[in-house]
Amino acid sequence: MKLILAVVQGEDAGQTVQALNRVGISVTRFASSGGFLQQGNVTLMIGVDDERVEDALEVIRRNCRERSRYLNPMPPVAEPGEMFMPFPVEVQVGGATVFVLDVEQFEKL
């Protein structure tokens, strides 16, 4: 048995959970945040038999995609009289970060 922890963009979480459920894979969903941009994301906790790992990963691949966002960088501390006009910077967000861990013991109580 394996435990899959998938950190996905908040925009992709709903469709990913539904797609996993459609193929018979149960998911526990946690709201989380972090990373470079400190934007909201979701951590999916998925327990599957070894032979279903690739099925789960394929569903995650199909439903979690990268996208571009434009963000204004944080301005440095300006001295009185100085003017700083930041230009938007394009960054890539989304996709998924996935960890597949061995499960030593599993019990459903």
PDB file of N, CA and C in Angstrom:
ATOM      1  N   MET A   1       0.843  -1.182   0.000  1.00  0.00           N
ATOM      2  CA  MET A   1       0.000   0.000   0.000  1.00  0.00           C
ATOM      3  C   MET A   1       0.883   1.239   0.000  1.00  0.00           C
ATOM      4  N   LYS A   2       0.383   2.298  -0.657  1.00  0.00           N
ATOM      5  CA  LYS A   2       1.105   3.571  -0.763  1.00  0.00           C
ATOM      6  C   LYS A   2       0.224   4.706  -0.270  1.00  0.00           C
ATOM      7  N   LEU A   3       0.875   5.749   0.218  1.00  0.00           N
ATOM      8  CA  LEU A   3       0.208   6.992   0.566  1.00  0.00           C
ATOM      9  C   LEU A   3       0.717   8.044  -0.405  1.00  0.00           C
ATOM     10  N   ILE A   4      -0.197   8.654  -1.136  1.00  0.00           N
ATOM     11  CA  ILE A   4       0.156   9.714  -2.078  1.00  0.00           C
ATOM     12  C   ILE A   4      -0.258  11.039  -1.452  1.00  0.00           C
ATOM     13  N   LEU A   5       0.689  11.953  -1.323  1.00  0.00           N
ATOM     14  CA  LEU A   5       0.415  13.325  -0.889  1.00  0.00           C
ATOM     15  C   LEU A   5       0.637  14.204  -2.104  1.00  0.00           C
ATOM     16  N   ALA A   6      -0.412  14.863  -2.551  1.00  0.00           N
ATOM     17  CA  ALA A   6      -0.332  15.710  -3.739  1.00  0.00           C
ATOM     18  C   ALA A   6      -0.711  17.134  -3.352  1.00  0.00           C
ATOM     19  N   VAL A   7       0.196  18.069  -3.542  1.00  0.00           N
ATOM     20  CA  VAL A   7      -0.083  19.480  -3.293  1.00  0.00           C
ATOM     21  C   VAL A   7      -0.452  20.089  -4.633  1.00  0.00           C
ATOM     22  N   VAL A   8      -1.703  20.559  -4.747  1.00  0.00           N
ATOM     23  CA  VAL A   8      -2.221  21.057  -6.020  1.00  0.00           C
ATOM     24  C   VAL A   8      -2.760  22.472  -5.862  1.00  0.00           C
ATOM     25  N   GLN A   9      -2.824  23.189  -6.959  1.00  0.00           N
ATOM     26  CA  GLN A   9      -3.383  24.548  -6.979  1.00  0.00           C
ATOM     27  C   GLN A   9      -4.853  24.478  -6.584  1.00  0.00           C
ATOM     28  N   GLY A  10      -5.312  25.442  -5.808  1.00  0.00           N
ATOM     29  CA  GLY A  10      -6.703  25.468  -5.371  1.00  0.00           C
ATOM     30  C   GLY A  10      -7.695  25.369  -6.517  1.00  0.00           C
ATOM     31  N   GLU A  11      -7.366  25.997  -7.657  1.00  0.00           N
ATOM     32  CA  GLU A  11      -8.260  25.968  -8.827  1.00  0.00           C
ATOM     33  C   GLU A  11      -8.425  24.567  -9.405  1.00  0.00           C
ATOM     34  N   ASP A  12      -7.432  23.708  -9.212  1.00  0.00           N
ATOM     35  CA  ASP A  12      -7.466  22.362  -9.783  1.00  0.00           C
ATOM     36  C   ASP A  12      -8.006  21.315  -8.818  1.00  0.00           C
ATOM     37  N   ALA A  13      -8.138  21.667  -7.547  1.00  0.00           N
ATOM     38  CA  ALA A  13      -8.447  20.675  -6.516  1.00  0.00           C
ATOM     39  C   ALA A  13      -9.808  20.007  -6.722  1.00  0.00           C
ATOM     40  N   GLY A  14     -10.853  20.786  -6.947  1.00  0.00           N
ATOM     41  CA  GLY A  14     -12.195  20.219  -7.068  1.00  0.00           C
ATOM     42  C   GLY A  14     -12.313  19.203  -8.181  1.00  0.00           C
ATOM     43  N   GLN A  15     -11.842  19.570  -9.366  1.00  0.00           N
ATOM     44  CA  GLN A  15     -11.954  18.641 -10.501  1.00  0.00           C
ATOM     45  C   GLN A  15     -11.067  17.418 -10.302  1.00  0.00           C
ATOM     46  N   THR A  16      -9.937  17.576  -9.619  1.00  0.00           N
ATOM     47  CA  THR A  16      -9.045  16.442  -9.375  1.00  0.00           C
ATOM     48  C   THR A  16      -9.690  15.458  -8.412  1.00  0.00           C
ATOM     49  N   VAL A  17     -10.293  15.959  -7.335  1.00  0.00           N
ATOM     50  CA  VAL A  17     -10.973  15.091  -6.373  1.00  0.00           C
ATOM     51  C   VAL A  17     -12.121  14.347  -7.053  1.00  0.00           C
ATOM     52  N   GLN A  18     -12.909  15.048  -7.863  1.00  0.00           N
ATOM     53  CA  GLN A  18     -14.020  14.400  -8.567  1.00  0.00           C
ATOM     54  C   GLN A  18     -13.522  13.323  -9.525  1.00  0.00           C
ATOM     55  N   ALA A  19     -12.446  13.609 -10.244  1.00  0.00           N
ATOM     56  CA  ALA A  19     -11.901  12.632 -11.199  1.00  0.00           C
ATOM     57  C   ALA A  19     -11.358  11.402 -10.468  1.00  0.00           C
ATOM     58  N   LEU A  20     -10.715  11.599  -9.328  1.00  0.00           N
ATOM     59  CA  LEU A  20     -10.229  10.453  -8.545  1.00  0.00           C
ATOM     60  C   LEU A  20     -11.401   9.623  -8.035  1.00  0.00           C
ATOM     61  N   ASN A  21     -12.437  10.279  -7.553  1.00  0.00           N
ATOM     62  CA  ASN A  21     -13.619   9.559  -7.063  1.00  0.00           C
ATOM     63  C   ASN A  21     -14.292   8.768  -8.176  1.00  0.00           C
ATOM     64  N   ARG A  22     -14.323   9.327  -9.405  1.00  0.00           N
ATOM     65  CA  ARG A  22     -14.957   8.625 -10.540  1.00  0.00           C
ATOM     66  C   ARG A  22     -14.266   7.305 -10.857  1.00  0.00           C
ATOM     67  N   VAL A  23     -12.951   7.225 -10.596  1.00  0.00           N
ATOM     68  CA  VAL A  23     -12.236   5.966 -10.880  1.00  0.00           C
ATOM     69  C   VAL A  23     -12.099   5.109  -9.620  1.00  0.00           C
ATOM     70  N   GLY A  24     -12.864   5.469  -8.578  1.00  0.00           N
ATOM     71  CA  GLY A  24     -12.912   4.641  -7.375  1.00  0.00           C
ATOM     72  C   GLY A  24     -11.772   4.862  -6.395  1.00  0.00           C
ATOM     73  N   ILE A  25     -11.146   6.017  -6.433  1.00  0.00           N
ATOM     74  CA  ILE A  25     -10.053   6.322  -5.510  1.00  0.00           C
ATOM     75  C   ILE A  25     -10.542   7.379  -4.527  1.00  0.00           C
ATOM     76  N   SER A  26     -10.513   7.037  -3.234  1.00  0.00           N
ATOM     77  CA  SER A  26     -10.943   7.960  -2.182  1.00  0.00           C
ATOM     78  C   SER A  26      -9.838   8.950  -1.862  1.00  0.00           C
ATOM     79  N   VAL A  27     -10.247  10.157  -1.472  1.00  0.00           N
ATOM     80  CA  VAL A  27      -9.315  11.248  -1.234  1.00  0.00           C
ATOM     81  C   VAL A  27      -9.711  11.994   0.028  1.00  0.00           C
ATOM     82  N   THR A  28      -8.729  12.406   0.808  1.00  0.00           N
ATOM     83  CA  THR A  28      -8.947  13.359   1.897  1.00  0.00           C
ATOM     84  C   THR A  28      -8.279  14.652   1.487  1.00  0.00           C
ATOM     85  N   ARG A  29      -9.004  15.754   1.650  1.00  0.00           N
ATOM     86  CA  ARG A  29      -8.560  17.056   1.150  1.00  0.00           C
ATOM     87  C   ARG A  29      -8.263  17.996   2.321  1.00  0.00           C
ATOM     88  N   PHE A  30      -7.088  18.660   2.288  1.00  0.00           N
ATOM     89  CA  PHE A  30      -6.693  19.622   3.311  1.00  0.00           C
ATOM     90  C   PHE A  30      -6.388  20.955   2.638  1.00  0.00           C
ATOM     91  N   ALA A  31      -6.922  22.041   3.170  1.00  0.00           N
ATOM     92  CA  ALA A  31      -6.537  23.365   2.681  1.00  0.00           C
ATOM     93  C   ALA A  31      -5.130  23.650   3.198  1.00  0.00           C
ATOM     94  N   SER A  32      -4.288  24.223   2.350  1.00  0.00           N
ATOM     95  CA  SER A  32      -2.912  24.523   2.749  1.00  0.00           C
ATOM     96  C   SER A  32      -2.435  25.752   1.994  1.00  0.00           C
ATOM     97  N   SER A  33      -1.314  26.262   2.382  1.00  0.00           N
ATOM     98  CA  SER A  33      -0.706  27.374   1.658  1.00  0.00           C
ATOM     99  C   SER A  33       0.793  27.253   1.804  1.00  0.00           C
ATOM    100  N   GLY A  34       1.486  27.928   0.929  1.00  0.00           N
ATOM    101  CA  GLY A  34       2.939  27.865   1.014  1.00  0.00           C
ATOM    102  C   GLY A  34       3.561  28.067  -0.338  1.00  0.00           C
ATOM    103  N   GLY A  35       4.827  27.803  -0.392  1.00  0.00           N
ATOM    104  CA  GLY A  35       5.562  27.974  -1.627  1.00  0.00           C
ATOM    105  C   GLY A  35       6.006  29.405  -1.823  1.00  0.00           C
ATOM    106  N   PHE A  36       6.557  29.661  -2.965  1.00  0.00           N
ATOM    107  CA  PHE A  36       7.144  30.958  -3.300  1.00  0.00           C
ATOM    108  C   PHE A  36       6.141  32.094  -3.202  1.00  0.00           C
ATOM    109  N   LEU A  37       4.922  31.875  -3.665  1.00  0.00           N
ATOM    110  CA  LEU A  37       3.938  32.952  -3.735  1.00  0.00           C
ATOM    111  C   LEU A  37       2.987  32.976  -2.546  1.00  0.00           C
ATOM    112  N   GLN A  38       3.086  32.004  -1.657  1.00  0.00           N
ATOM    113  CA  GLN A  38       2.197  31.915  -0.502  1.00  0.00           C
ATOM    114  C   GLN A  38       0.726  31.922  -0.907  1.00  0.00           C
ATOM    115  N   GLN A  39       0.415  31.332  -2.044  1.00  0.00           N
ATOM    116  CA  GLN A  39      -0.962  31.283  -2.507  1.00  0.00           C
ATOM    117  C   GLN A  39      -1.640  30.028  -1.982  1.00  0.00           C
ATOM    118  N   GLY A  40      -2.967  30.072  -1.918  1.00  0.00           N
ATOM    119  CA  GLY A  40      -3.723  28.935  -1.428  1.00  0.00           C
ATOM    120  C   GLY A  40      -3.577  27.729  -2.339  1.00  0.00           C
ATOM    121  N   ASN A  41      -3.402  26.586  -1.717  1.00  0.00           N
ATOM    122  CA  ASN A  41      -3.391  25.344  -2.466  1.00  0.00           C
ATOM    123  C   ASN A  41      -4.086  24.295  -1.622  1.00  0.00           C
ATOM    124  N   VAL A  42      -4.141  23.100  -2.123  1.00  0.00           N
ATOM    125  CA  VAL A  42      -4.822  22.011  -1.437  1.00  0.00           C
ATOM    126  C   VAL A  42      -3.880  20.819  -1.417  1.00  0.00           C
ATOM    127  N   THR A  43      -3.823  20.150  -0.277  1.00  0.00           N
ATOM    128  CA  THR A  43      -3.054  18.911  -0.176  1.00  0.00           C
ATOM    129  C   THR A  43      -4.043  17.759  -0.183  1.00  0.00           C
ATOM    130  N   LEU A  44      -3.849  16.842  -1.118  1.00  0.00           N
ATOM    131  CA  LEU A  44      -4.696  15.652  -1.227  1.00  0.00           C
ATOM    132  C   LEU A  44      -3.949  14.474  -0.615  1.00  0.00           C
ATOM    133  N   MET A  45      -4.619  13.746   0.269  1.00  0.00           N
ATOM    134  CA  MET A  45      -4.049  12.554   0.884  1.00  0.00           C
ATOM    135  C   MET A  45      -4.807  11.360   0.324  1.00  0.00           C
ATOM    136  N   ILE A  46      -4.073  10.477  -0.355  1.00  0.00           N
ATOM    137  CA  ILE A  46      -4.687   9.377  -1.094  1.00  0.00           C
ATOM    138  C   ILE A  46      -4.003   8.076  -0.687  1.00  0.00           C
ATOM    139  N   GLY A  47      -4.763   7.134  -0.168  1.00  0.00           N
ATOM    140  CA  GLY A  47      -4.232   5.809   0.140  1.00  0.00           C
ATOM    141  C   GLY A  47      -4.677   4.826  -0.928  1.00  0.00           C
ATOM    142  N   VAL A  48      -3.707   4.167  -1.577  1.00  0.00           N
ATOM    143  CA  VAL A  48      -4.046   3.224  -2.652  1.00  0.00           C
ATOM    144  C   VAL A  48      -3.163   1.983  -2.570  1.00  0.00           C
ATOM    145  N   ASP A  49      -3.677   0.880  -3.124  1.00  0.00           N
ATOM    146  CA  ASP A  49      -2.858  -0.320  -3.280  1.00  0.00           C
ATOM    147  C   ASP A  49      -1.759  -0.031  -4.296  1.00  0.00           C
ATOM    148  N   ASP A  50      -0.669  -0.756  -4.202  1.00  0.00           N
ATOM    149  CA  ASP A  50       0.485  -0.515  -5.070  1.00  0.00           C
ATOM    150  C   ASP A  50       0.117  -0.489  -6.551  1.00  0.00           C
ATOM    151  N   GLU A  51      -0.791  -1.386  -6.974  1.00  0.00           N
ATOM    152  CA  GLU A  51      -1.132  -1.466  -8.396  1.00  0.00           C
ATOM    153  C   GLU A  51      -2.003  -0.303  -8.873  1.00  0.00           C
ATOM    154  N   ARG A  52      -2.526   0.536  -7.972  1.00  0.00           N
ATOM    155  CA  ARG A  52      -3.364   1.682  -8.370  1.00  0.00           C
ATOM    156  C   ARG A  52      -2.607   3.007  -8.334  1.00  0.00           C
ATOM    157  N   VAL A  53      -1.341   2.980  -7.941  1.00  0.00           N
ATOM    158  CA  VAL A  53      -0.563   4.223  -7.837  1.00  0.00           C
ATOM    159  C   VAL A  53      -0.518   4.939  -9.179  1.00  0.00           C
ATOM    160  N   GLU A  54      -0.206   4.219 -10.241  1.00  0.00           N
ATOM    161  CA  GLU A  54      -0.084   4.864 -11.556  1.00  0.00           C
ATOM    162  C   GLU A  54      -1.425   5.416 -12.021  1.00  0.00           C
ATOM    163  N   ASP A  55      -2.532   4.745 -11.696  1.00  0.00           N
ATOM    164  CA  ASP A  55      -3.863   5.275 -12.028  1.00  0.00           C
ATOM    165  C   ASP A  55      -4.084   6.627 -11.354  1.00  0.00           C
ATOM    166  N   ALA A  56      -3.765   6.698 -10.071  1.00  0.00           N
ATOM    167  CA  ALA A  56      -3.954   7.953  -9.329  1.00  0.00           C
ATOM    168  C   ALA A  56      -3.061   9.053  -9.886  1.00  0.00           C
ATOM    169  N   LEU A  57      -1.812   8.732 -10.173  1.00  0.00           N
ATOM    170  CA  LEU A  57      -0.889   9.734 -10.715  1.00  0.00           C
ATOM    171  C   LEU A  57      -1.352  10.243 -12.078  1.00  0.00           C
ATOM    172  N   GLU A  58      -1.904   9.366 -12.896  1.00  0.00           N
ATOM    173  CA  GLU A  58      -2.388   9.788 -14.207  1.00  0.00           C
ATOM    174  C   GLU A  58      -3.572  10.749 -14.075  1.00  0.00           C
ATOM    175  N   VAL A  59      -4.464  10.481 -13.138  1.00  0.00           N
ATOM    176  CA  VAL A  59      -5.598  11.389 -12.908  1.00  0.00           C
ATOM    177  C   VAL A  59      -5.083  12.757 -12.456  1.00  0.00           C
ATOM    178  N   ILE A  60      -4.109  12.764 -11.566  1.00  0.00           N
ATOM    179  CA  ILE A  60      -3.529  14.029 -11.093  1.00  0.00           C
ATOM    180  C   ILE A  60      -2.874  14.766 -12.258  1.00  0.00           C
ATOM    181  N   ARG A  61      -2.123  14.067 -13.088  1.00  0.00           N
ATOM    182  CA  ARG A  61      -1.470  14.697 -14.254  1.00  0.00           C
ATOM    183  C   ARG A  61      -2.493  15.340 -15.191  1.00  0.00           C
ATOM    184  N   ARG A  62      -3.603  14.652 -15.437  1.00  0.00           N
ATOM    185  CA  ARG A  62      -4.613  15.162 -16.372  1.00  0.00           C
ATOM    186  C   ARG A  62      -5.369  16.379 -15.834  1.00  0.00           C
ATOM    187  N   ASN A  63      -5.452  16.521 -14.524  1.00  0.00           N
ATOM    188  CA  ASN A  63      -6.303  17.559 -13.947  1.00  0.00           C
ATOM    189  C   ASN A  63      -5.563  18.727 -13.315  1.00  0.00           C
ATOM    190  N   CYS A  64      -4.282  18.636 -13.153  1.00  0.00           N
ATOM    191  CA  CYS A  64      -3.510  19.713 -12.535  1.00  0.00           C
ATOM    192  C   CYS A  64      -2.544  20.268 -13.569  1.00  0.00           C
ATOM    193  N   ARG A  65      -2.767  21.522 -13.948  1.00  0.00           N
ATOM    194  CA  ARG A  65      -1.932  22.088 -15.000  1.00  0.00           C
ATOM    195  C   ARG A  65      -1.279  23.380 -14.537  1.00  0.00           C
ATOM    196  N   GLU A  66      -0.151  23.662 -15.150  1.00  0.00           N
ATOM    197  CA  GLU A  66       0.521  24.933 -14.882  1.00  0.00           C
ATOM    198  C   GLU A  66      -0.153  26.036 -15.658  1.00  0.00           C
ATOM    199  N   ARG A  67      -0.123  27.238 -15.110  1.00  0.00           N
ATOM    200  CA  ARG A  67      -0.668  28.410 -15.792  1.00  0.00           C
ATOM    201  C   ARG A  67       0.177  29.615 -15.429  1.00  0.00           C
ATOM    202  N   SER A  68       0.087  30.645 -16.239  1.00  0.00           N
ATOM    203  CA  SER A  68       0.841  31.878 -15.996  1.00  0.00           C
ATOM    204  C   SER A  68      -0.002  32.859 -15.196  1.00  0.00           C
ATOM    205  N   ARG A  69       0.658  33.574 -14.316  1.00  0.00           N
ATOM    206  CA  ARG A  69       0.032  34.661 -13.555  1.00  0.00           C
ATOM    207  C   ARG A  69       0.980  35.861 -13.600  1.00  0.00           C
ATOM    208  N   TYR A  70       0.403  37.045 -13.566  1.00  0.00           N
ATOM    209  CA  TYR A  70       1.193  38.270 -13.495  1.00  0.00           C
ATOM    210  C   TYR A  70       1.040  38.853 -12.099  1.00  0.00           C
ATOM    211  N   LEU A  71       2.160  39.054 -11.433  1.00  0.00           N
ATOM    212  CA  LEU A  71       2.155  39.590 -10.084  1.00  0.00           C
ATOM    213  C   LEU A  71       3.052  40.810  -9.997  1.00  0.00           C
ATOM    214  N   ASN A  72       2.689  41.744  -9.143  1.00  0.00           N
ATOM    215  CA  ASN A  72       3.543  42.902  -8.883  1.00  0.00           C
ATOM    216  C   ASN A  72       4.528  42.536  -7.787  1.00  0.00           C
ATOM    217  N   PRO A  73       5.816  42.736  -8.034  1.00  0.00           N
ATOM    218  CA  PRO A  73       6.794  42.433  -6.992  1.00  0.00           C
ATOM    219  C   PRO A  73       6.645  43.409  -5.830  1.00  0.00           C
ATOM    220  N   MET A  74       7.073  42.974  -4.664  1.00  0.00           N
ATOM    221  CA  MET A  74       7.021  43.844  -3.493  1.00  0.00           C
ATOM    222  C   MET A  74       8.063  44.953  -3.661  1.00  0.00           C
ATOM    223  N   PRO A  75       7.654  46.202  -3.455  1.00  0.00           N
ATOM    224  CA  PRO A  75       8.615  47.300  -3.618  1.00  0.00           C
ATOM    225  C   PRO A  75       9.614  47.330  -2.465  1.00  0.00           C
ATOM    226  N   PRO A  76      10.848  47.752  -2.749  1.00  0.00           N
ATOM    227  CA  PRO A  76      11.808  47.910  -1.661  1.00  0.00           C
ATOM    228  C   PRO A  76      11.397  49.113  -0.810  1.00  0.00           C
ATOM    229  N   VAL A  77      12.007  49.231   0.343  1.00  0.00           N
ATOM    230  CA  VAL A  77      11.714  50.384   1.200  1.00  0.00           C
ATOM    231  C   VAL A  77      12.239  51.622   0.499  1.00  0.00           C
ATOM    232  N   ALA A  78      11.341  52.565   0.244  1.00  0.00           N
ATOM    233  CA  ALA A  78      11.717  53.769  -0.500  1.00  0.00           C
ATOM    234  C   ALA A  78      12.009  54.908   0.467  1.00  0.00           C
ATOM    235  N   GLU A  79      12.951  55.717   0.088  1.00  0.00           N
ATOM    236  CA  GLU A  79      13.282  56.912   0.859  1.00  0.00           C
ATOM    237  C   GLU A  79      12.234  57.985   0.550  1.00  0.00           C
ATOM    238  N   PRO A  80      12.041  58.935   1.456  1.00  0.00           N
ATOM    239  CA  PRO A  80      11.084  60.005   1.169  1.00  0.00           C
ATOM    240  C   PRO A  80      11.413  60.705  -0.144  1.00  0.00           C
ATOM    241  N   GLY A  81      10.394  60.915  -0.942  1.00  0.00           N
ATOM    242  CA  GLY A  81      10.578  61.590  -2.232  1.00  0.00           C
ATOM    243  C   GLY A  81      10.870  60.647  -3.380  1.00  0.00           C
ATOM    244  N   GLU A  82      11.172  59.388  -3.094  1.00  0.00           N
ATOM    245  CA  GLU A  82      11.440  58.432  -4.167  1.00  0.00           C
ATOM    246  C   GLU A  82      10.129  57.799  -4.621  1.00  0.00           C
ATOM    247  N   MET A  83      10.087  57.440  -5.881  1.00  0.00           N
ATOM    248  CA  MET A  83       8.889  56.817  -6.434  1.00  0.00           C
ATOM    249  C   MET A  83       9.302  55.479  -7.043  1.00  0.00           C
ATOM    250  N   PHE A  84       8.606  54.401  -6.694  1.00  0.00           N
ATOM    251  CA  PHE A  84       8.904  53.080  -7.238  1.00  0.00           C
ATOM    252  C   PHE A  84       7.636  52.522  -7.852  1.00  0.00           C
ATOM    253  N   MET A  85       7.651  52.287  -9.149  1.00  0.00           N
ATOM    254  CA  MET A  85       6.501  51.723  -9.846  1.00  0.00           C
ATOM    255  C   MET A  85       6.885  50.325 -10.344  1.00  0.00           C
ATOM    256  N   PRO A  86       6.465  49.291  -9.628  1.00  0.00           N
ATOM    257  CA  PRO A  86       6.831  47.940 -10.059  1.00  0.00           C
ATOM    258  C   PRO A  86       6.072  47.533 -11.320  1.00  0.00           C
ATOM    259  N   PHE A  87       6.751  46.786 -12.165  1.00  0.00           N
ATOM    260  CA  PHE A  87       6.114  46.224 -13.349  1.00  0.00           C
ATOM    261  C   PHE A  87       5.693  44.794 -13.033  1.00  0.00           C
ATOM    262  N   PRO A  88       4.544  44.364 -13.526  1.00  0.00           N
ATOM    263  CA  PRO A  88       4.122  42.982 -13.271  1.00  0.00           C
ATOM    264  C   PRO A  88       5.147  41.989 -13.823  1.00  0.00           C
ATOM    265  N   VAL A  89       5.304  40.904 -13.093  1.00  0.00           N
ATOM    266  CA  VAL A  89       6.238  39.841 -13.467  1.00  0.00           C
ATOM    267  C   VAL A  89       5.422  38.580 -13.727  1.00  0.00           C
ATOM    268  N   GLU A  90       5.716  37.905 -14.826  1.00  0.00           N
ATOM    269  CA  GLU A  90       5.019  36.660 -15.153  1.00  0.00           C
ATOM    270  C   GLU A  90       5.667  35.504 -14.384  1.00  0.00           C
ATOM    271  N   VAL A  91       4.839  34.723 -13.683  1.00  0.00           N
ATOM    272  CA  VAL A  91       5.312  33.547 -12.958  1.00  0.00           C
ATOM    273  C   VAL A  91       4.420  32.363 -13.318  1.00  0.00           C
ATOM    274  N   GLN A  92       4.975  31.172 -13.190  1.00  0.00           N
ATOM    275  CA  GLN A  92       4.224  29.946 -13.444  1.00  0.00           C
ATOM    276  C   GLN A  92       3.677  29.425 -12.120  1.00  0.00           C
ATOM    277  N   VAL A  93       2.390  29.127 -12.059  1.00  0.00           N
ATOM    278  CA  VAL A  93       1.761  28.546 -10.881  1.00  0.00           C
ATOM    279  C   VAL A  93       0.979  27.314 -11.315  1.00  0.00           C
ATOM    280  N   GLY A  94       0.649  26.493 -10.366  1.00  0.00           N
ATOM    281  CA  GLY A  94      -0.168  25.323 -10.666  1.00  0.00           C
ATOM    282  C   GLY A  94       0.645  24.074 -10.808  1.00  0.00           C
ATOM    283  N   GLY A  95       0.064  23.110 -11.472  1.00  0.00           N
ATOM    284  CA  GLY A  95       0.693  21.808 -11.545  1.00  0.00           C
ATOM    285  C   GLY A  95       0.472  21.088 -10.225  1.00  0.00           C
ATOM    286  N   ALA A  96       1.306  20.147  -9.915  1.00  0.00           N
ATOM    287  CA  ALA A  96       1.192  19.408  -8.656  1.00  0.00           C
ATOM    288  C   ALA A  96       2.569  18.979  -8.195  1.00  0.00           C
ATOM    289  N   THR A  97       2.739  18.945  -6.893  1.00  0.00           N
ATOM    290  CA  THR A  97       3.927  18.349  -6.280  1.00  0.00           C
ATOM    291  C   THR A  97       3.431  17.102  -5.573  1.00  0.00           C
ATOM    292  N   VAL A  98       3.983  15.947  -5.952  1.00  0.00           N
ATOM    293  CA  VAL A  98       3.437  14.674  -5.479  1.00  0.00           C
ATOM    294  C   VAL A  98       4.519  13.866  -4.771  1.00  0.00           C
ATOM    295  N   PHE A  99       4.157  13.323  -3.612  1.00  0.00           N
ATOM    296  CA  PHE A  99       5.022  12.427  -2.849  1.00  0.00           C
ATOM    297  C   PHE A  99       4.318  11.081  -2.766  1.00  0.00           C
ATOM    298  N   VAL A 100       5.036  10.000  -3.048  1.00  0.00           N
ATOM    299  CA  VAL A 100       4.487   8.649  -2.922  1.00  0.00           C
ATOM    300  C   VAL A 100       5.293   7.948  -1.833  1.00  0.00           C
ATOM    301  N   LEU A 101       4.596   7.565  -0.760  1.00  0.00           N
ATOM    302  CA  LEU A 101       5.252   6.994   0.419  1.00  0.00           C
ATOM    303  C   LEU A 101       4.777   5.569   0.667  1.00  0.00           C
ATOM    304  N   ASP A 102       5.671   4.724   1.144  1.00  0.00           N
ATOM    305  CA  ASP A 102       5.296   3.377   1.551  1.00  0.00           C
ATOM    306  C   ASP A 102       4.496   3.446   2.848  1.00  0.00           C
ATOM    307  N   VAL A 103       3.466   2.623   2.944  1.00  0.00           N
ATOM    308  CA  VAL A 103       2.650   2.534   4.158  1.00  0.00           C
ATOM    309  C   VAL A 103       2.993   1.223   4.837  1.00  0.00           C
ATOM    310  N   GLU A 104       3.449   1.331   6.065  1.00  0.00           N
ATOM    311  CA  GLU A 104       3.829   0.125   6.807  1.00  0.00           C
ATOM    312  C   GLU A 104       2.600  -0.616   7.318  1.00  0.00           C
ATOM    313  N   GLN A 105       1.599   0.133   7.782  1.00  0.00           N
ATOM    314  CA  GLN A 105       0.385  -0.486   8.308  1.00  0.00           C
ATOM    315  C   GLN A 105      -0.801   0.415   8.009  1.00  0.00           C
ATOM    316  N   PHE A 106      -1.936  -0.206   7.696  1.00  0.00           N
ATOM    317  CA  PHE A 106      -3.165   0.525   7.422  1.00  0.00           C
ATOM    318  C   PHE A 106      -4.314  -0.173   8.125  1.00  0.00           C
ATOM    319  N   GLU A 107      -5.125   0.595   8.851  1.00  0.00           N
ATOM    320  CA  GLU A 107      -6.306   0.048   9.507  1.00  0.00           C
ATOM    321  C   GLU A 107      -7.453   1.024   9.293  1.00  0.00           C
ATOM    322  N   LYS A 108      -8.605   0.493   8.960  1.00  0.00           N
ATOM    323  CA  LYS A 108      -9.805   1.302   8.839  1.00  0.00           C
ATOM    324  C   LYS A 108     -10.687   0.964  10.034  1.00  0.00           C
ATOM    325  N   LEU A 109     -10.844   1.913  10.950  1.00  0.00           N
ATOM    326  CA  LEU A 109     -11.570   1.645  12.191  1.00  0.00           C
ATOM    327  C   LEU A 109     -12.948   2.278  12.174  1.00  0.00           C
TER     328      LEU A 109
END
